Amino acid sequence: MHALLIALAAGYGIAAGLLATRPLFRLAVQPDEPWRAACPDGHPITGPAAGWLGLARCGPCGRAAAAGASPGAYGPNGVLVAGVCALACAGLAAAVGSRPELAVWLLLVPLSVVLAGVDLAVHRLPDVLTLPMALGSAALLGGAALLPGAAGSWSRAVFGGLALGAAYFVLFLINPAGMGFGDVKLAVTLGVALGWYGWDVLFLGAFTGLLLGAFYGVALVLTRRASRKAALAFGPFMIIGAGAGVLVGGLAAG
């Protein structure tokens, strides 16, 4: 049963990852630009949910973004995005098992991958994702807490979101040039997820993200690819750290 759950989670991750390529492409724009509404050749992006739902492909233009890609493919590498989502979902299923909070983690995976991709591309964490994720994760975990088998605490998750958000707000005030306010809003969601399993898990996930980001920043400076005052896409490291914390928390709760 556990192996089947992991396989199903991986399959879900592949499908969700492929569908994540379109919003990733559309959202990866500078703050003063509107969301992309057309493919690279200028054809309007259409489909369900006002064009937000679907594969990143454009039939009319027949564009091939990379060798071996399907005609009309555009945006990020779909195989890479789907692979990352599948690996994350399978790992979470292996760690958490069939406990009800797994559904919440699986829903957060593709959204987190989109945020990480956008931040890497344009150093931006859009409100259109960070705010619903913060509210949605708290609400969904509240529902999961009512189901049998849940291994966390909803009240601790809410306080964890507030605590981590407040901590990042202080870091933002100290160094607004090095950390954006989008990181503060993302921290609320990650704090909710980590706080679900305990304060020790919250500290582990938050510290891991900070440590990874610091190592990356130092590496950029040492290789002269960036200056000490350069802006850093910190969101991906926050997400990786939180993901590691949730995996540890899920295993410990089992």
Protein backbone atom coordinates (compact mmCIF):
# COMPACT_ATOMS: atom_id res chain seq x y z
CA MET A 1 0.00 0.00 0.00
CA HIS A 2 2.82 2.39 0.87
CA ALA A 3 4.59 1.69 -2.43
CA LEU A 4 1.35 2.33 -4.31
CA LEU A 5 0.88 5.63 -2.49
CA ILE A 6 4.40 6.72 -3.44
CA ALA A 7 3.81 5.74 -7.07
CA LEU A 8 0.52 7.63 -7.18
CA ALA A 9 2.15 10.68 -5.62
CA ALA A 10 4.94 10.57 -8.20
CA GLY A 11 2.39 10.30 -11.02
CA TYR A 12 0.51 13.25 -9.61
CA GLY A 13 3.79 15.17 -9.42
CA ILE A 14 4.53 14.52 -13.09
CA ALA A 15 1.09 15.73 -14.17
CA ALA A 16 1.17 18.75 -11.85
CA GLY A 17 4.69 19.62 -12.96
CA LEU A 18 3.75 19.60 -16.63
CA LEU A 19 0.77 21.86 -15.91
CA ALA A 20 2.99 24.15 -13.81
CA THR A 21 5.09 25.15 -16.83
CA ARG A 22 2.41 27.44 -18.23
CA PRO A 23 1.83 29.57 -15.08
CA LEU A 24 5.60 29.62 -14.52
CA PHE A 25 6.08 31.10 -17.99
CA ARG A 26 3.24 33.58 -17.59
CA LEU A 27 4.29 34.80 -14.14
CA ALA A 28 8.02 35.17 -14.84
CA VAL A 29 7.91 38.89 -15.69
CA GLN A 30 9.29 42.02 -14.06
CA PRO A 31 7.10 43.73 -11.41
CA ASP A 32 6.14 46.58 -13.75
CA GLU A 33 5.02 44.23 -16.54
CA PRO A 34 1.66 42.45 -16.94
CA TRP A 35 1.47 38.67 -16.82
CA ARG A 36 2.32 37.12 -20.17
CA ALA A 37 -0.79 36.54 -22.26
CA ALA A 38 0.86 35.23 -25.42
CA CYS A 39 3.41 32.62 -26.46
CA PRO A 40 6.90 33.80 -27.55
CA ASP A 41 5.63 34.17 -31.12
CA GLY A 42 2.74 36.39 -30.05
CA HIS A 43 -0.20 33.97 -30.24
CA PRO A 44 -2.71 34.45 -27.38
CA ILE A 45 -2.59 31.82 -24.63
CA THR A 46 -6.06 30.33 -24.36
CA GLY A 47 -7.65 27.46 -22.51
CA PRO A 48 -9.36 26.65 -19.20
CA ALA A 49 -9.15 29.13 -16.32
CA ALA A 50 -8.51 32.05 -18.69
CA GLY A 51 -5.50 30.30 -20.17
CA TRP A 52 -3.77 29.50 -16.89
CA LEU A 53 -4.52 25.78 -16.96
CA GLY A 54 -2.87 23.58 -19.56
CA LEU A 55 0.44 22.56 -21.05
CA ALA A 56 2.91 25.19 -22.20
CA ARG A 57 2.36 24.54 -25.87
CA CYS A 58 1.13 26.68 -28.75
CA GLY A 59 -0.33 24.80 -31.68
CA PRO A 60 -0.61 27.71 -34.13
CA CYS A 61 3.04 28.72 -34.06
CA GLY A 62 4.52 25.22 -34.09
CA ARG A 63 7.44 26.48 -32.03
CA ALA A 64 9.99 23.99 -30.65
CA ALA A 65 11.72 25.51 -27.63
CA ALA A 66 14.41 22.82 -27.36
CA ALA A 67 15.70 19.77 -29.19
CA GLY A 68 13.28 16.93 -28.83
CA ALA A 69 10.45 19.11 -27.52
CA SER A 70 6.96 18.75 -28.92
CA PRO A 71 6.03 21.26 -31.63
CA GLY A 72 4.75 24.45 -30.08
CA ALA A 73 6.44 23.94 -26.68
CA TYR A 74 7.59 27.10 -24.91
CA GLY A 75 8.65 28.26 -21.48
CA PRO A 76 10.67 26.20 -18.96
CA ASN A 77 11.82 22.64 -19.54
CA GLY A 78 8.71 20.57 -18.84
CA VAL A 79 10.66 17.38 -18.19
CA LEU A 80 12.79 19.11 -15.55
CA VAL A 81 9.80 20.75 -13.81
CA ALA A 82 7.80 17.51 -13.86
CA GLY A 83 10.81 15.58 -12.54
CA VAL A 84 11.30 17.96 -9.62
CA CYS A 85 7.60 17.81 -8.73
CA ALA A 86 7.52 14.02 -9.00
CA LEU A 87 10.60 13.61 -6.80
CA ALA A 88 9.23 16.00 -4.15
CA CYS A 89 5.79 14.37 -4.12
CA ALA A 90 7.20 10.84 -3.93
CA GLY A 91 9.52 11.85 -1.09
CA LEU A 92 6.68 13.42 0.86
CA ALA A 93 4.49 10.36 0.37
CA ALA A 94 7.31 8.12 1.59
CA ALA A 95 7.87 10.26 4.68
CA VAL A 96 4.29 11.14 5.62
CA GLY A 97 2.41 8.06 4.46
CA SER A 98 -1.36 8.16 4.24
CA ARG A 99 -1.86 10.77 6.95
CA PRO A 100 -4.34 13.50 5.92
CA GLU A 101 -1.77 16.33 5.86
CA LEU A 102 -0.11 14.65 2.86
CA ALA A 103 -2.85 16.05 0.63
CA VAL A 104 -1.92 19.58 1.72
CA TRP A 105 1.78 19.02 1.04
CA LEU A 106 1.05 17.61 -2.42
CA LEU A 107 -1.06 20.64 -3.30
CA LEU A 108 1.74 22.98 -2.18
CA VAL A 109 4.45 21.24 -4.23
CA PRO A 110 3.60 22.53 -7.75
CA LEU A 111 2.82 26.01 -6.41
CA SER A 112 6.17 26.08 -4.62
CA VAL A 113 7.97 24.93 -7.77
CA VAL A 114 6.32 27.72 -9.75
CA LEU A 115 7.35 30.28 -7.12
CA ALA A 116 10.92 29.00 -7.08
CA GLY A 117 11.13 29.12 -10.87
CA VAL A 118 9.74 32.65 -11.06
CA ASP A 119 12.08 33.86 -8.33
CA LEU A 120 15.10 32.36 -10.10
CA ALA A 121 14.03 33.95 -13.39
CA VAL A 122 13.07 37.48 -12.30
CA HIS A 123 13.74 37.71 -8.52
CA ARG A 124 10.05 37.99 -7.74
CA LEU A 125 7.52 36.08 -5.62
CA PRO A 126 4.07 37.09 -6.94
CA ASP A 127 1.30 37.93 -4.48
CA VAL A 128 -1.11 36.03 -6.69
CA LEU A 129 0.49 32.85 -5.31
CA THR A 130 2.06 33.73 -1.95
CA LEU A 131 -1.08 35.18 -0.35
CA PRO A 132 -3.51 32.37 -1.35
CA MET A 133 -0.90 29.80 -0.32
CA ALA A 134 -0.61 31.30 3.16
CA LEU A 135 -4.36 31.38 3.74
CA GLY A 136 -5.03 28.11 1.94
CA SER A 137 -2.37 26.09 3.76
CA ALA A 138 -3.68 27.23 7.15
CA ALA A 139 -7.28 26.47 6.18
CA LEU A 140 -6.52 23.07 4.67
CA LEU A 141 -4.41 22.00 7.63
CA GLY A 142 -7.30 23.04 9.85
CA GLY A 143 -9.44 20.54 7.96
CA ALA A 144 -6.72 17.89 8.08
CA ALA A 145 -6.48 18.30 11.86
CA LEU A 146 -10.11 17.19 12.17
CA LEU A 147 -9.47 13.91 10.36
CA PRO A 148 -8.26 10.71 12.06
CA GLY A 149 -4.55 10.01 11.73
CA ALA A 150 -3.35 13.62 11.52
CA ALA A 151 0.07 13.94 13.13
CA GLY A 152 0.37 17.68 13.68
CA SER A 153 -1.10 20.64 15.51
CA TRP A 154 -3.16 23.24 13.67
CA SER A 155 -2.77 25.92 16.30
CA ARG A 156 0.99 25.44 16.30
CA ALA A 157 0.98 25.64 12.50
CA VAL A 158 -0.78 29.01 12.60
CA PHE A 159 1.58 30.36 15.25
CA GLY A 160 4.49 28.96 13.27
CA GLY A 161 3.40 30.90 10.20
CA LEU A 162 3.11 34.10 12.19
CA ALA A 163 6.47 33.51 13.88
CA LEU A 164 8.44 32.78 10.72
CA GLY A 165 6.72 35.61 8.86
CA ALA A 166 7.64 38.00 11.68
CA ALA A 167 11.25 36.77 11.68
CA TYR A 168 11.61 37.38 7.96
CA PHE A 169 9.95 40.77 8.32
CA VAL A 170 12.69 41.73 10.77
CA LEU A 171 15.31 40.50 8.30
CA PHE A 172 13.61 42.54 5.58
CA LEU A 173 13.74 45.67 7.74
CA ILE A 174 17.42 45.07 8.49
CA ASN A 175 18.42 44.52 4.86
CA PRO A 176 15.63 45.41 2.39
CA ALA A 177 18.11 45.40 -0.49
CA GLY A 178 19.05 41.78 0.12
CA MET A 179 15.61 40.36 0.92
CA GLY A 180 12.31 41.22 -0.73
CA PHE A 181 8.91 41.51 0.92
CA GLY A 182 7.81 38.53 -1.16
CA ASP A 183 10.16 36.42 0.97
CA VAL A 184 8.27 37.62 4.06
CA LYS A 185 4.93 36.50 2.61
CA LEU A 186 6.36 33.17 1.49
CA ALA A 187 7.74 32.65 5.00
CA VAL A 188 4.19 32.64 6.39
CA THR A 189 3.24 29.61 4.28
CA LEU A 190 6.47 27.79 5.06
CA GLY A 191 6.08 28.55 8.76
CA VAL A 192 2.57 27.08 8.71
CA ALA A 193 3.83 23.88 7.09
CA LEU A 194 6.83 23.52 9.39
CA GLY A 195 4.96 24.52 12.54
CA TRP A 196 2.48 21.71 11.94
CA TYR A 197 5.13 19.20 13.04
CA GLY A 198 6.68 21.21 15.87
CA TRP A 199 8.91 24.11 16.80
CA ASP A 200 12.04 22.01 16.35
CA VAL A 201 10.98 21.22 12.78
CA LEU A 202 10.24 24.90 12.21
CA PHE A 203 13.73 25.85 13.36
CA LEU A 204 15.34 23.09 11.27
CA GLY A 205 13.53 24.06 8.07
CA ALA A 206 14.05 27.79 8.51
CA PHE A 207 17.72 27.43 9.44
CA THR A 208 18.38 25.08 6.51
CA GLY A 209 16.89 27.58 4.08
CA LEU A 210 18.96 30.44 5.50
CA LEU A 211 22.11 28.34 5.45
CA LEU A 212 21.64 27.23 1.85
CA GLY A 213 20.93 30.79 0.75
CA ALA A 214 24.00 32.06 2.59
CA PHE A 215 26.25 29.43 0.99
CA TYR A 216 24.88 30.29 -2.44
CA GLY A 217 25.44 34.00 -1.89
CA VAL A 218 29.01 33.44 -0.72
CA ALA A 219 29.69 31.21 -3.72
CA LEU A 220 28.45 33.93 -6.08
CA VAL A 221 30.71 36.51 -4.43
CA LEU A 222 33.76 34.23 -4.40
CA THR A 223 33.30 33.38 -8.09
CA ARG A 224 32.73 37.08 -8.83
CA ARG A 225 29.34 36.38 -10.38
CA ALA A 226 27.73 38.89 -8.02
CA SER A 227 28.70 41.63 -5.58
CA ARG A 228 28.00 41.57 -1.85
CA LYS A 229 25.08 43.97 -2.32
CA ALA A 230 23.51 42.10 -5.23
CA ALA A 231 19.92 40.88 -4.90
CA LEU A 232 19.58 37.14 -4.35
CA ALA A 233 16.71 34.86 -5.34
CA PHE A 234 16.18 33.56 -1.81
CA GLY A 235 12.79 31.91 -2.29
CA PRO A 236 14.09 28.62 -3.75
CA PHE A 237 16.37 28.08 -0.76
CA MET A 238 13.56 28.86 1.67
CA ILE A 239 11.39 26.30 -0.12
CA ILE A 240 14.11 23.62 -0.18
CA GLY A 241 14.81 24.15 3.52
CA ALA A 242 11.13 23.95 4.40
CA GLY A 243 10.72 20.85 2.27
CA ALA A 244 13.58 19.17 4.14
CA GLY A 245 11.99 20.14 7.44
CA VAL A 246 8.61 18.71 6.47
CA LEU A 247 10.27 15.46 5.35
CA VAL A 248 12.03 15.14 8.70
CA GLY A 249 8.86 16.05 10.56
CA GLY A 250 6.84 13.53 8.62
CA LEU A 251 9.34 10.77 9.29
CA ALA A 252 9.55 11.62 12.99
CA ALA A 253 5.78 11.67 13.34
CA GLY A 254 5.57 8.20 11.84
